[in-house]
Every structure is written in structure tokens, then in C-alpha cells.
């Protein structure tokens, strides 16, 4: 039985309500390349590429290869994953300062909504 890596990736992406554009951005791949993988036009996906996709989806590489028991390592939506990726790309001090500001905005928003 042939493994359908591309189909497994597409199915998990759909399950997470993620677009190809979002997955491409999170995994640092082009939409065109990701589309070819999902449609099965790219048969030999490198471990590096598969690793990028699995991290972007928050699942294990094995689950994408074998398509069984796809387990999310974290339940983050695409927007939150993109924010985390951005924060992780910053210097530690910058990331902390921006995170602190974002939390302040969220807390202020919650207070406004509760009134």
C-alpha cells in the first residue's frame, strides 16, 4: 500500500481550517511547491521539507507519512502559529517586550468587553 503523504498533509491542513497560503508561509515553502506535494505531483518529499510542514501543522512527521493517528502536538490555529513564529524570530528582549504589549492589549480588551 502506497503512502499518500500529500493527501495526509492536505487532510490535516483542512482539519485545522488552514489555507495553503497559511501553511506555505508557516513552513517557509512556496504555495506552488506545497500544492504539488498535496496533489501528489512531488513524490519524494525531503525530510527537511516534511519537518517544516509537520512543525507548521503541529503534528509529527510520522503521522503525515503514515496518515494514522494524526496527533496535534499543540492546538494552535494558523493565526496564532504565525504570531508565535514571528515572536520566535525576534531577539529575546524584543519578543518579551512585544509579548508584554500584546498581553496588555488583550487584558484591556477583556475589561472593555466586560463593561
N, C-alpha and C. Protein backbone atom coordinates (compact mmCIF):
# COMPACT_ATOMS: atom_id res chain seq x y z
N UNK A 1 0.84 -1.18 0.00
CA UNK A 1 0.00 0.00 0.00
C UNK A 1 0.89 1.24 0.00
N UNK A 2 0.65 2.14 -0.93
CA UNK A 2 1.47 3.34 -1.07
C UNK A 2 0.98 4.43 -0.11
N UNK A 3 1.94 5.04 0.57
CA UNK A 3 1.60 6.14 1.47
C UNK A 3 1.29 7.38 0.66
N UNK A 4 0.29 8.11 1.08
CA UNK A 4 -0.11 9.32 0.39
C UNK A 4 0.22 10.52 1.28
N UNK A 5 1.48 10.88 1.30
CA UNK A 5 1.94 11.97 2.15
C UNK A 5 1.20 13.27 1.82
N UNK A 6 1.11 13.57 0.53
CA UNK A 6 0.44 14.80 0.11
C UNK A 6 -1.01 14.85 0.55
N UNK A 7 -1.71 13.74 0.41
CA UNK A 7 -3.11 13.69 0.85
C UNK A 7 -3.23 13.84 2.35
N UNK A 8 -2.30 13.24 3.09
CA UNK A 8 -2.31 13.36 4.55
C UNK A 8 -2.07 14.80 4.97
N UNK A 9 -1.17 15.47 4.28
CA UNK A 9 -0.89 16.88 4.58
C UNK A 9 -2.13 17.71 4.30
N UNK A 10 -2.73 17.52 3.14
CA UNK A 10 -3.94 18.29 2.76
C UNK A 10 -5.07 18.04 3.75
N UNK A 11 -5.27 16.77 4.13
CA UNK A 11 -6.36 16.42 5.07
C UNK A 11 -6.14 17.11 6.42
N UNK A 12 -4.91 17.07 6.93
CA UNK A 12 -4.64 17.70 8.22
C UNK A 12 -4.77 19.22 8.11
N UNK A 13 -4.33 19.78 7.00
CA UNK A 13 -4.46 21.23 6.79
C UNK A 13 -5.94 21.63 6.80
N UNK A 14 -6.76 20.86 6.11
CA UNK A 14 -8.20 21.13 6.08
C UNK A 14 -8.82 20.97 7.47
N UNK A 15 -8.40 19.93 8.19
CA UNK A 15 -8.92 19.70 9.55
C UNK A 15 -8.64 20.88 10.46
N UNK A 16 -7.56 21.58 10.18
CA UNK A 16 -7.19 22.74 11.01
C UNK A 16 -7.70 24.06 10.43
N UNK A 17 -8.53 23.97 9.38
CA UNK A 17 -9.07 25.16 8.72
C UNK A 17 -7.96 26.11 8.30
N UNK A 18 -6.91 25.54 7.73
CA UNK A 18 -5.75 26.32 7.30
C UNK A 18 -5.71 26.33 5.77
N UNK A 19 -5.40 27.49 5.21
CA UNK A 19 -5.26 27.58 3.76
C UNK A 19 -3.86 27.14 3.34
N UNK A 20 -3.71 26.85 2.06
CA UNK A 20 -2.37 26.53 1.54
C UNK A 20 -1.45 27.72 1.74
N UNK A 21 -1.98 28.92 1.57
CA UNK A 21 -1.16 30.11 1.75
C UNK A 21 -0.63 30.20 3.18
N UNK A 22 -1.49 29.92 4.15
CA UNK A 22 -1.06 29.98 5.55
C UNK A 22 -0.01 28.91 5.85
N UNK A 23 -0.25 27.69 5.36
CA UNK A 23 0.72 26.62 5.59
C UNK A 23 2.04 26.92 4.89
N UNK A 24 1.97 27.45 3.68
CA UNK A 24 3.20 27.79 2.96
C UNK A 24 4.01 28.82 3.73
N UNK A 25 3.32 29.82 4.25
CA UNK A 25 4.03 30.87 4.99
C UNK A 25 4.63 30.32 6.28
N UNK A 26 3.87 29.52 7.00
CA UNK A 26 4.36 28.97 8.26
C UNK A 26 5.51 27.98 8.07
N UNK A 27 5.54 27.32 6.92
CA UNK A 27 6.57 26.31 6.68
C UNK A 27 7.71 26.82 5.81
N UNK A 28 7.64 28.08 5.41
CA UNK A 28 8.66 28.68 4.55
C UNK A 28 8.81 27.93 3.22
N UNK A 29 7.68 27.51 2.66
CA UNK A 29 7.64 26.87 1.35
C UNK A 29 6.80 27.73 0.43
N UNK A 30 6.94 27.53 -0.87
CA UNK A 30 6.08 28.26 -1.81
C UNK A 30 4.73 27.56 -1.90
N UNK A 31 3.72 28.33 -2.20
CA UNK A 31 2.38 27.76 -2.38
C UNK A 31 2.40 26.75 -3.52
N UNK A 32 3.10 27.07 -4.59
CA UNK A 32 3.18 26.18 -5.74
C UNK A 32 3.77 24.83 -5.35
N UNK A 33 4.86 24.84 -4.61
CA UNK A 33 5.51 23.59 -4.19
C UNK A 33 4.59 22.80 -3.26
N UNK A 34 3.98 23.48 -2.30
CA UNK A 34 3.07 22.82 -1.37
C UNK A 34 1.89 22.20 -2.11
N UNK A 35 1.37 22.92 -3.07
CA UNK A 35 0.27 22.40 -3.88
C UNK A 35 0.67 21.14 -4.63
N UNK A 36 1.87 21.13 -5.19
CA UNK A 36 2.37 19.94 -5.90
C UNK A 36 2.52 18.75 -4.95
N UNK A 37 2.97 19.01 -3.74
CA UNK A 37 3.09 17.93 -2.76
C UNK A 37 1.71 17.37 -2.43
N UNK A 38 0.77 18.26 -2.14
CA UNK A 38 -0.57 17.82 -1.76
C UNK A 38 -1.27 17.04 -2.87
N UNK A 39 -1.04 17.43 -4.11
CA UNK A 39 -1.69 16.76 -5.25
C UNK A 39 -0.93 15.52 -5.70
N UNK A 40 0.20 15.24 -5.07
CA UNK A 40 0.95 14.03 -5.40
C UNK A 40 1.88 14.16 -6.58
N UNK A 41 2.09 15.37 -7.07
CA UNK A 41 2.99 15.58 -8.20
C UNK A 41 4.46 15.52 -7.76
N UNK A 42 4.71 15.72 -6.48
CA UNK A 42 6.05 15.60 -5.92
C UNK A 42 6.05 14.35 -5.07
N UNK A 43 6.66 13.31 -5.57
CA UNK A 43 6.62 12.01 -4.88
C UNK A 43 7.63 11.90 -3.75
N UNK A 44 8.82 12.45 -3.94
CA UNK A 44 9.88 12.33 -2.95
C UNK A 44 10.02 13.63 -2.18
N UNK A 45 9.34 13.71 -1.06
CA UNK A 45 9.41 14.88 -0.20
C UNK A 45 10.57 14.69 0.76
N UNK A 46 11.48 15.65 0.80
CA UNK A 46 12.66 15.52 1.67
C UNK A 46 12.23 15.57 3.14
N UNK A 47 13.08 15.01 3.99
CA UNK A 47 12.79 15.05 5.43
C UNK A 47 12.80 16.49 5.94
N UNK A 48 13.63 17.33 5.35
CA UNK A 48 13.67 18.74 5.74
C UNK A 48 12.33 19.41 5.45
N UNK A 49 11.80 19.17 4.25
CA UNK A 49 10.50 19.74 3.87
C UNK A 49 9.39 19.18 4.74
N UNK A 50 9.41 17.88 4.96
CA UNK A 50 8.39 17.24 5.78
C UNK A 50 8.46 17.77 7.22
N UNK A 51 9.66 18.01 7.71
CA UNK A 51 9.83 18.56 9.05
C UNK A 51 9.22 19.96 9.14
N UNK A 52 9.46 20.79 8.13
CA UNK A 52 8.89 22.14 8.11
C UNK A 52 7.36 22.09 8.14
N UNK A 53 6.80 21.20 7.33
CA UNK A 53 5.34 21.09 7.25
C UNK A 53 4.77 20.56 8.56
N UNK A 54 5.41 19.53 9.12
CA UNK A 54 4.89 18.96 10.37
C UNK A 54 4.94 19.97 11.51
N UNK A 55 6.01 20.76 11.56
CA UNK A 55 6.10 21.79 12.61
C UNK A 55 5.03 22.86 12.40
N UNK A 56 4.80 23.25 11.16
CA UNK A 56 3.80 24.27 10.87
C UNK A 56 2.40 23.78 11.22
N UNK A 57 2.15 22.48 11.03
CA UNK A 57 0.84 21.90 11.35
C UNK A 57 0.75 21.48 12.81
N UNK A 58 1.89 21.40 13.49
CA UNK A 58 1.88 20.97 14.89
C UNK A 58 1.60 19.48 15.04
N UNK A 59 2.08 18.68 14.07
CA UNK A 59 1.89 17.22 14.13
C UNK A 59 3.24 16.55 13.93
N UNK A 60 3.29 15.25 14.16
CA UNK A 60 4.53 14.52 13.95
C UNK A 60 4.73 14.21 12.47
N UNK A 61 5.98 14.03 12.08
CA UNK A 61 6.28 13.66 10.69
C UNK A 61 5.70 12.28 10.39
N UNK A 62 5.79 11.36 11.35
CA UNK A 62 5.25 10.01 11.15
C UNK A 62 3.77 10.04 10.81
N UNK A 63 3.03 10.90 11.49
CA UNK A 63 1.59 10.95 11.24
C UNK A 63 1.30 11.44 9.82
N UNK A 64 2.16 12.30 9.27
CA UNK A 64 1.96 12.76 7.89
C UNK A 64 2.37 11.68 6.89
N UNK A 65 3.38 10.91 7.23
CA UNK A 65 3.84 9.86 6.32
C UNK A 65 2.83 8.71 6.29
N UNK A 66 2.40 8.26 7.46
CA UNK A 66 1.56 7.07 7.54
C UNK A 66 0.07 7.38 7.58
N UNK A 67 -0.30 8.62 7.92
CA UNK A 67 -1.69 9.03 7.88
C UNK A 67 -2.56 8.44 8.97
N UNK A 68 -1.95 7.79 9.94
CA UNK A 68 -2.72 7.21 11.03
C UNK A 68 -2.50 8.03 12.28
N UNK A 69 -3.55 8.15 13.03
CA UNK A 69 -3.45 8.80 14.34
C UNK A 69 -2.71 10.12 14.27
N UNK A 70 -3.16 11.01 13.39
CA UNK A 70 -2.54 12.32 13.32
C UNK A 70 -2.81 13.03 14.63
N UNK A 71 -1.76 13.28 15.34
CA UNK A 71 -1.86 13.90 16.66
C UNK A 71 -1.28 15.30 16.59
N UNK A 72 -2.06 16.27 16.95
CA UNK A 72 -1.55 17.63 17.03
C UNK A 72 -0.71 17.75 18.29
N UNK A 73 0.50 18.28 18.12
CA UNK A 73 1.34 18.47 19.28
C UNK A 73 0.89 19.70 20.07
N UNK A 74 0.19 20.57 19.39
CA UNK A 74 -0.38 21.73 20.07
C UNK A 74 -1.60 22.18 19.29
N UNK A 75 -2.59 22.65 19.99
CA UNK A 75 -3.83 23.05 19.36
C UNK A 75 -3.83 24.56 19.11
N UNK A 76 -3.02 24.99 18.17
CA UNK A 76 -2.94 26.39 17.81
C UNK A 76 -3.48 26.57 16.41
N UNK A 77 -4.31 27.59 16.21
CA UNK A 77 -4.79 27.90 14.88
C UNK A 77 -3.69 28.54 14.05
N UNK A 78 -3.95 28.71 12.75
CA UNK A 78 -2.92 29.25 11.87
C UNK A 78 -2.47 30.67 12.23
N UNK A 79 -3.39 31.51 12.68
CA UNK A 79 -3.00 32.88 13.03
C UNK A 79 -2.12 32.89 14.28
N UNK A 80 -2.47 32.07 15.25
CA UNK A 80 -1.66 32.01 16.48
C UNK A 80 -0.29 31.40 16.18
N UNK A 81 -0.24 30.39 15.32
CA UNK A 81 1.05 29.81 14.93
C UNK A 81 1.92 30.86 14.24
N UNK A 82 1.29 31.67 13.38
CA UNK A 82 2.04 32.71 12.68
C UNK A 82 2.59 33.72 13.67
N UNK A 83 1.79 34.09 14.66
CA UNK A 83 2.24 35.03 15.69
C UNK A 83 3.40 34.43 16.49
N UNK A 84 3.29 33.17 16.87
CA UNK A 84 4.35 32.50 17.62
C UNK A 84 5.62 32.45 16.78
N UNK A 85 5.48 32.11 15.50
CA UNK A 85 6.65 32.06 14.61
C UNK A 85 7.32 33.43 14.54
N UNK A 86 6.51 34.48 14.42
CA UNK A 86 7.06 35.83 14.36
C UNK A 86 7.78 36.17 15.66
N UNK A 87 7.15 35.91 16.80
CA UNK A 87 7.77 36.21 18.09
C UNK A 87 9.06 35.44 18.26
N UNK A 88 9.09 34.18 17.81
CA UNK A 88 10.30 33.36 17.93
C UNK A 88 11.42 33.86 17.04
N UNK A 89 11.07 34.60 15.99
CA UNK A 89 12.10 35.10 15.07
C UNK A 89 12.80 36.35 15.60
N UNK A 90 12.21 36.96 16.62
CA UNK A 90 12.78 38.18 17.19
C UNK A 90 13.85 37.85 18.22
N UNK A 91 14.66 38.85 18.52
CA UNK A 91 15.59 38.72 19.63
C UNK A 91 14.77 38.54 20.90
N UNK A 92 15.33 37.87 21.88
CA UNK A 92 14.60 37.54 23.10
C UNK A 92 13.98 38.77 23.77
N UNK A 93 14.76 39.84 23.88
CA UNK A 93 14.25 41.05 24.54
C UNK A 93 13.11 41.67 23.75
N UNK A 94 13.25 41.72 22.42
CA UNK A 94 12.18 42.27 21.57
C UNK A 94 10.92 41.43 21.71
N UNK A 95 11.08 40.12 21.69
CA UNK A 95 9.96 39.21 21.80
C UNK A 95 9.23 39.41 23.13
N UNK A 96 9.97 39.55 24.20
CA UNK A 96 9.37 39.76 25.52
C UNK A 96 8.61 41.08 25.59
N UNK A 97 9.20 42.13 25.03
CA UNK A 97 8.54 43.44 25.05
C UNK A 97 7.25 43.42 24.25
N UNK A 98 7.30 42.83 23.07
CA UNK A 98 6.11 42.76 22.23
C UNK A 98 5.05 41.87 22.86
N UNK A 99 5.46 40.75 23.44
CA UNK A 99 4.51 39.86 24.12
C UNK A 99 3.82 40.58 25.27
N UNK A 100 4.60 41.36 26.02
CA UNK A 100 4.04 42.11 27.15
C UNK A 100 3.00 43.11 26.66
N UNK A 101 3.30 43.80 25.55
CA UNK A 101 2.35 44.76 25.00
C UNK A 101 1.08 44.07 24.49
N UNK A 102 1.26 42.95 23.84
CA UNK A 102 0.10 42.21 23.34
C UNK A 102 -0.80 41.76 24.49
N UNK A 103 -0.20 41.28 25.56
CA UNK A 103 -0.98 40.88 26.72
C UNK A 103 -1.73 42.06 27.33
N UNK A 104 -1.09 43.22 27.36
CA UNK A 104 -1.76 44.42 27.88
C UNK A 104 -2.97 44.77 27.02
N UNK A 105 -2.82 44.68 25.71
CA UNK A 105 -3.94 44.97 24.80
C UNK A 105 -5.06 43.97 25.01
N UNK A 106 -4.72 42.70 25.17
CA UNK A 106 -5.74 41.66 25.38
C UNK A 106 -6.48 41.91 26.69
N UNK A 107 -5.75 42.21 27.75
CA UNK A 107 -6.38 42.47 29.04
C UNK A 107 -7.29 43.69 28.97
N UNK A 108 -6.83 44.73 28.30
CA UNK A 108 -7.65 45.93 28.15
C UNK A 108 -8.91 45.61 27.35
N UNK A 109 -8.78 44.82 26.33
CA UNK A 109 -9.92 44.41 25.51
C UNK A 109 -10.92 43.62 26.33
N UNK A 110 -10.43 42.74 27.19
CA UNK A 110 -11.32 41.95 28.04
C UNK A 110 -12.08 42.84 29.02
N UNK A 111 -11.39 43.82 29.58
CA UNK A 111 -12.05 44.75 30.51
C UNK A 111 -13.14 45.53 29.79
N UNK A 112 -12.85 45.96 28.57
CA UNK A 112 -13.82 46.72 27.77
C UNK A 112 -15.03 45.86 27.46
N UNK A 113 -14.82 44.61 27.12
CA UNK A 113 -15.92 43.70 26.78
C UNK A 113 -16.76 43.33 27.99
N UNK A 114 -16.15 43.36 29.19
CA UNK A 114 -16.88 43.00 30.41
C UNK A 114 -17.71 44.14 30.95
N UNK A 115 -17.47 45.34 30.47
CA UNK A 115 -18.23 46.51 30.96
C UNK A 115 -19.46 46.77 30.15
